[in-house]
Amino acid sequence: MLHAITWKQFGIAAFSAGLLYYLIVLFKYYRQEAIALLSSRKNLPAVATPGTAAQKPDQGIFGAAQFDDSEMNLVDADELNFAEAEPDEIDLPDTKSQLLGEVADFMQELKVLLRITKEAGDTKENFLMLLRLLISKHPVVATATYAESIATSIIEDAAGLPFELALAELEQEFINPLFTEE
């Protein structure tokens, strides 16, 4: 299509157009910065001589950091006191918030597990495996505070399951919620 120009002519034209574009943008939007940059280069000495002091770098908007020795010595390190945590001041998890949160979530998921197991007629091994997964997801329920009451609740709700559950089996699942082989 453009057989009349060479690649060299095309490159020179593209470079010139790009240079012209950036010069127009530079002087239209950054005129003060460009003039300050060009004028600051004129004021620099051509060669630094041993008698001239080196210029300090620009410290930015805030300027150079200034230290006040009187402020640095207000408190000695020996005067700083930190209190140790006493056992009665340690915040233990609130049982009421656990009943409304973690334990309630576990019980809701347990009801779903029991319903699905009843409807599907699943095996005891699969039920116990899913129960282990559920317990590992909610480790708060594996504590002695909740384990026995939850196990008793499972026994009461297990009326329609296709297999029999023993309280000892469920308590064992709460003691060791990891994936263990029976």
N, C-alpha and C. Protein backbone atom coordinates (compact mmCIF):
# COMPACT_ATOMS: atom_id res chain seq x y z
N MET A 1 0.82 -1.19 0.00
CA MET A 1 0.00 0.00 0.00
C MET A 1 0.87 1.26 0.00
N LEU A 2 1.78 1.36 0.97
CA LEU A 2 2.68 2.51 1.00
C LEU A 2 4.05 2.07 0.46
N HIS A 3 4.16 1.92 -0.81
CA HIS A 3 5.43 1.49 -1.42
C HIS A 3 6.35 2.66 -1.69
N ALA A 4 5.87 3.88 -1.52
CA ALA A 4 6.66 5.05 -1.88
C ALA A 4 7.63 5.46 -0.78
N ILE A 5 7.43 4.97 0.48
CA ILE A 5 8.35 5.35 1.57
C ILE A 5 9.08 4.11 2.07
N THR A 6 10.25 4.34 2.67
CA THR A 6 11.04 3.24 3.20
C THR A 6 10.78 3.12 4.70
N TRP A 7 11.26 2.01 5.27
CA TRP A 7 11.12 1.80 6.72
C TRP A 7 11.88 2.86 7.50
N LYS A 8 12.98 3.30 6.99
CA LYS A 8 13.77 4.33 7.66
C LYS A 8 12.98 5.63 7.71
N GLN A 9 12.35 6.01 6.62
CA GLN A 9 11.55 7.23 6.60
C GLN A 9 10.35 7.10 7.53
N PHE A 10 9.73 5.91 7.55
CA PHE A 10 8.61 5.67 8.44
C PHE A 10 9.04 5.80 9.91
N GLY A 11 10.19 5.22 10.26
CA GLY A 11 10.68 5.29 11.64
C GLY A 11 10.97 6.70 12.06
N ILE A 12 11.60 7.48 11.18
CA ILE A 12 11.91 8.87 11.51
C ILE A 12 10.62 9.66 11.68
N ALA A 13 9.64 9.43 10.84
CA ALA A 13 8.37 10.15 10.93
C ALA A 13 7.63 9.77 12.22
N ALA A 14 7.60 8.48 12.58
CA ALA A 14 6.91 8.04 13.80
C ALA A 14 7.61 8.59 15.04
N PHE A 15 8.94 8.57 15.06
CA PHE A 15 9.70 9.11 16.18
C PHE A 15 9.46 10.60 16.32
N SER A 16 9.46 11.32 15.21
CA SER A 16 9.24 12.77 15.24
C SER A 16 7.83 13.09 15.73
N ALA A 17 6.84 12.34 15.28
CA ALA A 17 5.46 12.58 15.72
C ALA A 17 5.33 12.30 17.22
N GLY A 18 5.93 11.23 17.70
CA GLY A 18 5.88 10.92 19.13
C GLY A 18 6.58 11.97 19.96
N LEU A 19 7.75 12.43 19.52
CA LEU A 19 8.50 13.46 20.23
C LEU A 19 7.70 14.76 20.26
N LEU A 20 7.10 15.13 19.15
CA LEU A 20 6.30 16.34 19.09
C LEU A 20 5.11 16.23 20.05
N TYR A 21 4.45 15.08 20.08
CA TYR A 21 3.31 14.86 20.97
C TYR A 21 3.71 15.04 22.43
N TYR A 22 4.81 14.41 22.84
CA TYR A 22 5.23 14.50 24.25
C TYR A 22 5.71 15.90 24.61
N LEU A 23 6.32 16.63 23.68
CA LEU A 23 6.72 18.02 23.96
C LEU A 23 5.50 18.91 24.14
N ILE A 24 4.46 18.69 23.33
CA ILE A 24 3.23 19.48 23.49
C ILE A 24 2.59 19.20 24.84
N VAL A 25 2.50 17.93 25.23
CA VAL A 25 1.92 17.58 26.53
C VAL A 25 2.76 18.15 27.66
N LEU A 26 4.07 18.07 27.54
CA LEU A 26 4.98 18.58 28.57
C LEU A 26 4.78 20.07 28.79
N PHE A 27 4.75 20.83 27.74
CA PHE A 27 4.64 22.28 27.90
C PHE A 27 3.21 22.74 28.16
N LYS A 28 2.24 21.95 27.79
CA LYS A 28 0.87 22.35 28.06
C LYS A 28 0.48 22.09 29.52
N TYR A 29 0.86 20.93 30.06
CA TYR A 29 0.41 20.54 31.39
C TYR A 29 1.49 20.66 32.47
N TYR A 30 2.75 20.63 32.09
CA TYR A 30 3.84 20.64 33.08
C TYR A 30 4.81 21.77 32.80
N ARG A 31 4.31 22.93 32.44
CA ARG A 31 5.18 24.04 32.06
C ARG A 31 6.06 24.50 33.22
N GLN A 32 5.49 24.72 34.42
CA GLN A 32 6.28 25.21 35.55
C GLN A 32 7.34 24.20 35.96
N GLU A 33 6.99 22.93 36.00
CA GLU A 33 7.96 21.92 36.40
C GLU A 33 9.09 21.81 35.38
N ALA A 34 8.77 21.91 34.09
CA ALA A 34 9.79 21.82 33.05
C ALA A 34 10.73 23.02 33.10
N ILE A 35 10.17 24.21 33.32
CA ILE A 35 11.00 25.42 33.39
C ILE A 35 11.89 25.36 34.62
N ALA A 36 11.33 24.89 35.77
CA ALA A 36 12.13 24.77 36.99
C ALA A 36 13.24 23.75 36.81
N LEU A 37 12.97 22.67 36.12
CA LEU A 37 13.98 21.65 35.88
C LEU A 37 15.09 22.19 34.98
N LEU A 38 14.73 22.90 33.93
CA LEU A 38 15.74 23.46 33.03
C LEU A 38 16.53 24.57 33.69
N SER A 39 15.89 25.40 34.52
CA SER A 39 16.61 26.49 35.17
C SER A 39 17.50 25.97 36.29
N SER A 40 17.14 24.88 36.95
CA SER A 40 17.99 24.36 38.02
C SER A 40 19.25 23.72 37.46
N ARG A 41 19.18 23.21 36.25
CA ARG A 41 20.38 22.64 35.64
C ARG A 41 21.38 23.72 35.25
N LYS A 42 20.89 24.89 34.95
CA LYS A 42 21.79 26.00 34.60
C LYS A 42 22.56 26.48 35.82
N ASN A 43 21.96 26.43 37.00
CA ASN A 43 22.58 26.94 38.22
C ASN A 43 23.58 25.98 38.84
N LEU A 44 23.64 24.73 38.44
CA LEU A 44 24.58 23.77 39.01
C LEU A 44 25.99 24.06 38.52
N PRO A 45 26.98 23.89 39.40
CA PRO A 45 28.35 24.08 38.92
C PRO A 45 28.72 22.95 37.95
N ALA A 46 29.52 23.29 36.97
CA ALA A 46 29.89 22.32 35.95
C ALA A 46 30.72 21.20 36.56
N VAL A 47 31.69 21.54 37.39
CA VAL A 47 32.54 20.55 38.02
C VAL A 47 32.62 20.89 39.50
N ALA A 48 32.40 19.90 40.34
CA ALA A 48 32.49 20.14 41.78
C ALA A 48 33.95 20.25 42.17
N THR A 49 34.29 21.32 42.84
CA THR A 49 35.66 21.53 43.30
C THR A 49 35.74 21.20 44.77
N PRO A 50 36.92 20.91 45.28
CA PRO A 50 37.03 20.57 46.70
C PRO A 50 36.58 21.69 47.62
N GLY A 51 36.63 22.93 47.21
CA GLY A 51 36.25 24.05 48.07
C GLY A 51 34.76 24.26 48.15
N THR A 52 34.00 23.77 47.21
CA THR A 52 32.56 24.01 47.23
C THR A 52 31.86 22.91 48.02
N ALA A 53 30.88 23.30 48.76
CA ALA A 53 30.12 22.33 49.56
C ALA A 53 29.14 21.60 48.66
N ALA A 54 28.95 20.32 48.94
CA ALA A 54 27.99 19.54 48.18
C ALA A 54 26.58 19.98 48.55
N GLN A 55 25.72 20.05 47.56
CA GLN A 55 24.35 20.46 47.84
C GLN A 55 23.60 19.33 48.55
N LYS A 56 22.78 19.73 49.51
CA LYS A 56 21.96 18.74 50.22
C LYS A 56 20.83 18.30 49.32
N PRO A 57 20.47 17.03 49.34
CA PRO A 57 19.34 16.58 48.53
C PRO A 57 18.04 17.18 49.06
N ASP A 58 17.09 17.31 48.18
CA ASP A 58 15.78 17.85 48.55
C ASP A 58 15.13 16.92 49.58
N GLN A 59 14.65 17.48 50.69
CA GLN A 59 14.07 16.68 51.76
C GLN A 59 12.57 16.47 51.60
N GLY A 60 12.03 16.91 50.48
CA GLY A 60 10.62 16.69 50.24
C GLY A 60 9.76 17.76 50.88
N ILE A 61 8.51 17.47 51.08
CA ILE A 61 7.54 18.44 51.58
C ILE A 61 7.81 18.79 53.04
N PHE A 62 8.20 17.83 53.84
CA PHE A 62 8.36 18.05 55.28
C PHE A 62 9.69 18.65 55.67
N GLY A 63 10.67 18.60 54.80
CA GLY A 63 11.98 19.12 55.13
C GLY A 63 12.82 18.10 55.87
N ALA A 64 13.97 18.53 56.32
CA ALA A 64 14.89 17.63 57.00
C ALA A 64 14.38 17.32 58.41
N ALA A 65 14.70 16.14 58.90
CA ALA A 65 14.31 15.74 60.25
C ALA A 65 15.18 16.48 61.25
N GLN A 66 14.55 16.99 62.29
CA GLN A 66 15.28 17.69 63.35
C GLN A 66 15.05 16.94 64.65
N PHE A 67 16.13 16.74 65.38
CA PHE A 67 16.04 16.02 66.65
C PHE A 67 16.26 16.98 67.79
N ASP A 68 15.49 16.79 68.83
CA ASP A 68 15.61 17.59 70.03
C ASP A 68 16.05 16.66 71.15
N ASP A 69 17.27 16.84 71.63
CA ASP A 69 17.82 15.95 72.65
C ASP A 69 17.04 16.01 73.96
N SER A 70 16.42 17.13 74.25
CA SER A 70 15.68 17.23 75.52
C SER A 70 14.45 16.32 75.49
N GLU A 71 13.85 16.12 74.34
CA GLU A 71 12.69 15.24 74.26
C GLU A 71 13.09 13.78 74.27
N MET A 72 14.26 13.46 73.81
CA MET A 72 14.68 12.07 73.72
C MET A 72 15.03 11.48 75.07
N ASN A 73 15.25 12.29 76.07
CA ASN A 73 15.68 11.78 77.37
C ASN A 73 14.65 12.04 78.47
N LEU A 74 13.37 12.09 78.13
CA LEU A 74 12.35 12.33 79.14
C LEU A 74 12.18 11.14 80.08
N VAL A 75 12.22 9.91 79.56
CA VAL A 75 12.00 8.72 80.36
C VAL A 75 13.13 7.73 80.08
N ASP A 76 13.72 7.24 81.16
CA ASP A 76 14.73 6.20 81.01
C ASP A 76 14.04 4.86 80.77
N ALA A 77 14.77 3.94 80.21
CA ALA A 77 14.21 2.62 79.94
C ALA A 77 13.85 1.90 81.23
N ASP A 78 14.57 2.16 82.33
CA ASP A 78 14.29 1.52 83.61
C ASP A 78 12.97 2.00 84.22
N GLU A 79 12.53 3.20 83.84
CA GLU A 79 11.31 3.76 84.40
C GLU A 79 10.05 3.24 83.71
N LEU A 80 10.19 2.55 82.59
CA LEU A 80 9.03 2.01 81.89
C LEU A 80 8.58 0.73 82.57
N ASN A 81 7.33 0.68 82.97
CA ASN A 81 6.77 -0.49 83.65
C ASN A 81 5.65 -1.07 82.80
N PHE A 82 5.66 -2.37 82.67
CA PHE A 82 4.60 -3.08 81.96
C PHE A 82 4.03 -4.12 82.90
N ALA A 83 2.73 -4.17 83.00
CA ALA A 83 2.07 -5.11 83.90
C ALA A 83 1.99 -6.48 83.26
N GLU A 84 2.16 -7.50 84.07
CA GLU A 84 2.01 -8.87 83.61
C GLU A 84 0.53 -9.24 83.69
N ALA A 85 0.12 -10.09 82.78
CA ALA A 85 -1.27 -10.53 82.78
C ALA A 85 -1.50 -11.49 83.95
N GLU A 86 -2.48 -11.17 84.75
CA GLU A 86 -2.82 -12.05 85.85
C GLU A 86 -3.86 -13.05 85.37
N PRO A 87 -3.83 -14.26 85.92
CA PRO A 87 -4.75 -15.29 85.43
C PRO A 87 -6.23 -14.92 85.51
N ASP A 88 -6.63 -14.14 86.52
CA ASP A 88 -8.04 -13.81 86.63
C ASP A 88 -8.44 -12.69 85.67
N GLU A 89 -7.46 -12.01 85.05
CA GLU A 89 -7.76 -10.93 84.10
C GLU A 89 -7.77 -11.41 82.66
N ILE A 90 -7.41 -12.63 82.41
CA ILE A 90 -7.39 -13.14 81.05
C ILE A 90 -8.82 -13.34 80.57
N ASP A 91 -9.11 -12.83 79.39
CA ASP A 91 -10.46 -12.94 78.86
C ASP A 91 -10.70 -14.35 78.35
N LEU A 92 -11.62 -15.03 79.00
CA LEU A 92 -12.03 -16.36 78.55
C LEU A 92 -13.23 -16.19 77.65
N PRO A 93 -13.40 -17.09 76.70
CA PRO A 93 -14.55 -16.96 75.83
C PRO A 93 -15.85 -17.05 76.60
N ASP A 94 -16.77 -16.21 76.23
CA ASP A 94 -18.05 -16.15 76.89
C ASP A 94 -18.91 -17.34 76.46
N THR A 95 -19.45 -18.06 77.45
CA THR A 95 -20.23 -19.26 77.14
C THR A 95 -21.51 -18.89 76.40
N LYS A 96 -22.10 -17.77 76.75
CA LYS A 96 -23.35 -17.36 76.10
C LYS A 96 -23.10 -17.06 74.63
N SER A 97 -21.99 -16.38 74.33
CA SER A 97 -21.70 -16.07 72.92
C SER A 97 -21.37 -17.35 72.15
N GLN A 98 -20.77 -18.33 72.81
CA GLN A 98 -20.51 -19.60 72.14
C GLN A 98 -21.81 -20.33 71.84
N LEU A 99 -22.75 -20.27 72.77
CA LEU A 99 -24.03 -20.93 72.54
C LEU A 99 -24.79 -20.27 71.39
N LEU A 100 -24.61 -18.99 71.23
CA LEU A 100 -25.28 -18.28 70.14
C LEU A 100 -24.49 -18.38 68.84
N GLY A 101 -23.21 -18.68 68.92
CA GLY A 101 -22.38 -18.69 67.73
C GLY A 101 -21.97 -20.07 67.28
N GLU A 102 -20.82 -20.51 67.74
CA GLU A 102 -20.19 -21.74 67.26
C GLU A 102 -21.04 -22.98 67.52
N VAL A 103 -21.56 -23.11 68.73
CA VAL A 103 -22.34 -24.30 69.08
C VAL A 103 -23.66 -24.31 68.32
N ALA A 104 -24.28 -23.16 68.16
CA ALA A 104 -25.54 -23.08 67.42
C ALA A 104 -25.32 -23.46 65.95
N ASP A 105 -24.20 -22.98 65.38
CA ASP A 105 -23.89 -23.35 63.99
C ASP A 105 -23.67 -24.85 63.87
N PHE A 106 -22.96 -25.43 64.84
CA PHE A 106 -22.72 -26.86 64.82
C PHE A 106 -24.04 -27.63 64.90
N MET A 107 -24.91 -27.23 65.80
CA MET A 107 -26.19 -27.94 65.97
C MET A 107 -27.05 -27.84 64.71
N GLN A 108 -27.02 -26.68 64.05
CA GLN A 108 -27.79 -26.53 62.82
C GLN A 108 -27.26 -27.46 61.73
N GLU A 109 -25.93 -27.52 61.58
CA GLU A 109 -25.35 -28.41 60.58
C GLU A 109 -25.56 -29.88 60.96
N LEU A 110 -25.58 -30.17 62.25
CA LEU A 110 -25.83 -31.53 62.70
C LEU A 110 -27.26 -31.98 62.35
N LYS A 111 -28.22 -31.07 62.50
CA LYS A 111 -29.60 -31.39 62.13
C LYS A 111 -29.70 -31.71 60.64
N VAL A 112 -28.98 -30.95 59.82
CA VAL A 112 -28.98 -31.20 58.38
C VAL A 112 -28.34 -32.55 58.10
N LEU A 113 -27.23 -32.87 58.78
CA LEU A 113 -26.56 -34.15 58.59
C LEU A 113 -27.48 -35.31 58.97
N LEU A 114 -28.18 -35.19 60.09
CA LEU A 114 -29.10 -36.25 60.52
C LEU A 114 -30.26 -36.41 59.52
N ARG A 115 -30.79 -35.31 59.03
CA ARG A 115 -31.90 -35.38 58.08
C ARG A 115 -31.47 -36.05 56.78
N ILE A 116 -30.30 -35.66 56.27
CA ILE A 116 -29.82 -36.24 55.01
C ILE A 116 -29.50 -37.72 55.19
N THR A 117 -28.93 -38.08 56.33
CA THR A 117 -28.61 -39.49 56.59
C THR A 117 -29.89 -40.32 56.67
N LYS A 118 -30.92 -39.76 57.29
CA LYS A 118 -32.20 -40.48 57.37
C LYS A 118 -32.82 -40.64 55.99
N GLU A 119 -32.83 -39.58 55.20
CA GLU A 119 -33.46 -39.63 53.88
C GLU A 119 -32.72 -40.55 52.91
N ALA A 120 -31.37 -40.53 52.97
CA ALA A 120 -30.58 -41.32 52.03
C ALA A 120 -30.38 -42.74 52.50
N GLY A 121 -30.65 -43.02 53.76
CA GLY A 121 -30.40 -44.36 54.29
C GLY A 121 -28.92 -44.70 54.28
N ASP A 122 -28.10 -43.73 54.63
CA ASP A 122 -26.64 -43.88 54.56
C ASP A 122 -26.13 -44.83 55.64
N THR A 123 -24.84 -45.21 55.51
CA THR A 123 -24.25 -46.16 56.45
C THR A 123 -23.73 -45.46 57.70
N LYS A 124 -23.49 -46.24 58.71
CA LYS A 124 -22.98 -45.72 59.98
C LYS A 124 -21.58 -45.15 59.81
N GLU A 125 -20.74 -45.80 58.99
CA GLU A 125 -19.37 -45.34 58.78
C GLU A 125 -19.35 -43.96 58.12
N ASN A 126 -20.21 -43.77 57.11
CA ASN A 126 -20.28 -42.46 56.45
C ASN A 126 -20.80 -41.39 57.40
N PHE A 127 -21.79 -41.74 58.22
CA PHE A 127 -22.31 -40.78 59.18
C PHE A 127 -21.23 -40.35 60.17
N LEU A 128 -20.47 -41.32 60.70
CA LEU A 128 -19.42 -40.99 61.66
C LEU A 128 -18.30 -40.18 61.02
N MET A 129 -17.98 -40.49 59.74
CA MET A 129 -16.96 -39.73 59.04
C MET A 129 -17.41 -38.27 58.87
N LEU A 130 -18.66 -38.07 58.47
CA LEU A 130 -19.18 -36.71 58.31
C LEU A 130 -19.29 -35.99 59.65
N LEU A 131 -19.59 -36.74 60.70
CA LEU A 131 -19.63 -36.15 62.03
C LEU A 131 -18.23 -35.68 62.45
N ARG A 132 -17.20 -36.49 62.14
CA ARG A 132 -15.82 -36.08 62.44
C ARG A 132 -15.47 -34.80 61.70
N LEU A 133 -15.87 -34.72 60.43
CA LEU A 133 -15.61 -33.50 59.65
C LEU A 133 -16.29 -32.29 60.30
N LEU A 134 -17.51 -32.49 60.72
CA LEU A 134 -18.27 -31.41 61.34
C LEU A 134 -17.63 -30.98 62.66
N ILE A 135 -17.17 -31.93 63.44
CA ILE A 135 -16.52 -31.61 64.72
C ILE A 135 -15.19 -30.89 64.47
N SER A 136 -14.43 -31.32 63.46
CA SER A 136 -13.16 -30.64 63.18
C SER A 136 -13.39 -29.23 62.65
N LYS A 137 -14.54 -28.99 62.04
CA LYS A 137 -14.87 -27.65 61.56
C LYS A 137 -15.23 -26.73 62.72
N HIS A 138 -15.81 -27.28 63.77
CA HIS A 138 -16.22 -26.52 64.96
C HIS A 138 -15.52 -27.11 66.18
N PRO A 139 -14.25 -26.78 66.43
CA PRO A 139 -13.51 -27.42 67.53
C PRO A 139 -14.02 -27.07 68.92
N VAL A 140 -14.80 -26.02 69.06
CA VAL A 140 -15.31 -25.65 70.39
C VAL A 140 -16.21 -26.74 70.95
N VAL A 141 -16.95 -27.42 70.08
CA VAL A 141 -17.89 -28.43 70.56
C VAL A 141 -17.19 -29.70 71.03
N ALA A 142 -15.91 -29.86 70.71
CA ALA A 142 -15.18 -31.05 71.14
C ALA A 142 -14.71 -30.94 72.59
N THR A 143 -14.94 -29.82 73.23
CA THR A 143 -14.52 -29.66 74.62
C THR A 143 -15.48 -30.43 75.53
N ALA A 144 -15.02 -30.72 76.72
CA ALA A 144 -15.81 -31.51 77.67
C ALA A 144 -17.09 -30.79 78.07
N THR A 145 -17.11 -29.47 77.93
CA THR A 145 -18.28 -28.70 78.32
C THR A 145 -19.50 -29.08 77.48
N TYR A 146 -19.30 -29.29 76.19
CA TYR A 146 -20.43 -29.51 75.29
C TYR A 146 -20.54 -30.94 74.78
N ALA A 147 -19.48 -31.72 74.82
CA ALA A 147 -19.45 -33.03 74.16
C ALA A 147 -20.56 -33.96 74.65
N GLU A 148 -20.71 -34.09 75.94
CA GLU A 148 -21.69 -35.05 76.47
C GLU A 148 -23.12 -34.63 76.13
N SER A 149 -23.42 -33.35 76.28
CA SER A 149 -24.80 -32.91 76.00
C SER A 149 -25.12 -33.00 74.51
N ILE A 150 -24.14 -32.74 73.65
CA ILE A 150 -24.39 -32.86 72.22
C ILE A 150 -24.54 -34.33 71.83
N ALA A 151 -23.71 -35.19 72.40
CA ALA A 151 -23.83 -36.62 72.12
C ALA A 151 -25.20 -37.15 72.55
N THR A 152 -25.67 -36.70 73.69
CA THR A 152 -27.00 -37.10 74.15
C THR A 152 -28.08 -36.58 73.21
N SER A 153 -27.92 -35.38 72.72
CA SER A 153 -28.88 -34.80 71.77
C SER A 153 -28.90 -35.58 70.46
N ILE A 154 -27.73 -36.05 70.01
CA ILE A 154 -27.68 -36.85 68.79
C ILE A 154 -28.42 -38.17 68.99
N ILE A 155 -28.22 -38.80 70.15
CA ILE A 155 -28.90 -40.07 70.44
C ILE A 155 -30.42 -39.86 70.42
N GLU A 156 -30.89 -38.75 70.98
CA GLU A 156 -32.33 -38.48 71.00
C GLU A 156 -32.88 -38.24 69.60
N ASP A 157 -32.10 -37.57 68.72
CA ASP A 157 -32.56 -37.26 67.37
C ASP A 157 -32.30 -38.39 66.38
N ALA A 158 -31.64 -39.46 66.81
CA ALA A 158 -31.24 -40.54 65.89
C ALA A 158 -32.32 -41.60 65.74
N ALA A 159 -33.55 -41.27 66.06
CA ALA A 159 -34.62 -42.27 66.04
C ALA A 159 -34.87 -42.85 64.65
N GLY A 160 -34.78 -42.06 63.60
CA GLY A 160 -35.09 -42.56 62.27
C GLY A 160 -33.88 -43.01 61.47
N LEU A 161 -32.71 -43.10 62.08
CA LEU A 161 -31.51 -43.51 61.34
C LEU A 161 -31.57 -45.00 61.03
N PRO A 162 -31.00 -45.43 59.91
CA PRO A 162 -31.05 -46.85 59.55
C PRO A 162 -30.06 -47.72 60.34
N PHE A 163 -29.43 -47.18 61.34
CA PHE A 163 -28.47 -47.93 62.15
C PHE A 163 -28.58 -47.45 63.59
N GLU A 164 -27.99 -48.19 64.48
CA GLU A 164 -28.04 -47.86 65.91
C GLU A 164 -26.75 -47.11 66.30
N LEU A 165 -26.90 -46.10 67.13
CA LEU A 165 -25.77 -45.35 67.66
C LEU A 165 -25.70 -45.54 69.16
N ALA A 166 -24.48 -45.68 69.66
CA ALA A 166 -24.29 -45.80 71.10
C ALA A 166 -23.66 -44.51 71.61
N LEU A 167 -23.99 -44.15 72.84
CA LEU A 167 -23.46 -42.94 73.44
C LEU A 167 -21.94 -43.00 73.54
N ALA A 168 -21.39 -44.16 73.80
CA ALA A 168 -19.94 -44.31 73.91
C ALA A 168 -19.25 -44.02 72.57
N GLU A 169 -19.87 -44.46 71.46
CA GLU A 169 -19.30 -44.20 70.14
C GLU A 169 -19.25 -42.70 69.85
N LEU A 170 -20.32 -42.02 70.18
CA LEU A 170 -20.38 -40.58 69.91
C LEU A 170 -19.39 -39.82 70.79
N GLU A 171 -19.30 -40.20 72.05
CA GLU A 171 -18.35 -39.52 72.93
C GLU A 171 -16.92 -39.74 72.44
N GLN A 172 -16.64 -40.91 71.87
CA GLN A 172 -15.31 -41.18 71.31
C GLN A 172 -15.04 -40.25 70.13
N GLU A 173 -16.05 -39.97 69.32
CA GLU A 173 -15.88 -39.07 68.18
C GLU A 173 -15.57 -37.65 68.66
N PHE A 174 -16.15 -37.25 69.79
CA PHE A 174 -15.88 -35.92 70.31
C PHE A 174 -14.51 -35.84 70.96
N ILE A 175 -14.04 -36.95 71.50
CA ILE A 175 -12.71 -36.95 72.13
C ILE A 175 -11.63 -36.85 71.07
N ASN A 176 -11.79 -37.57 69.97
CA ASN A 176 -10.80 -37.58 68.91
C ASN A 176 -11.46 -37.19 67.60
N PRO A 177 -11.57 -35.88 67.30
CA PRO A 177 -12.29 -35.46 66.11
C PRO A 177 -11.48 -35.59 64.82
N LEU A 178 -10.26 -36.09 64.90
CA LEU A 178 -9.45 -36.24 63.70
C LEU A 178 -9.88 -37.48 62.95
N PHE A 179 -9.41 -37.61 61.74
CA PHE A 179 -9.77 -38.77 60.92
C PHE A 179 -9.00 -39.98 61.42
N THR A 180 -9.66 -40.81 62.14
CA THR A 180 -9.03 -42.02 62.66
C THR A 180 -9.77 -43.23 62.11
N GLU A 181 -9.04 -44.30 61.97
CA GLU A 181 -9.65 -45.54 61.51
C GLU A 181 -10.20 -46.28 62.73
N GLU A 182 -11.35 -46.90 62.56
CA GLU A 182 -11.95 -47.60 63.69
C GLU A 182 -11.34 -48.97 63.85
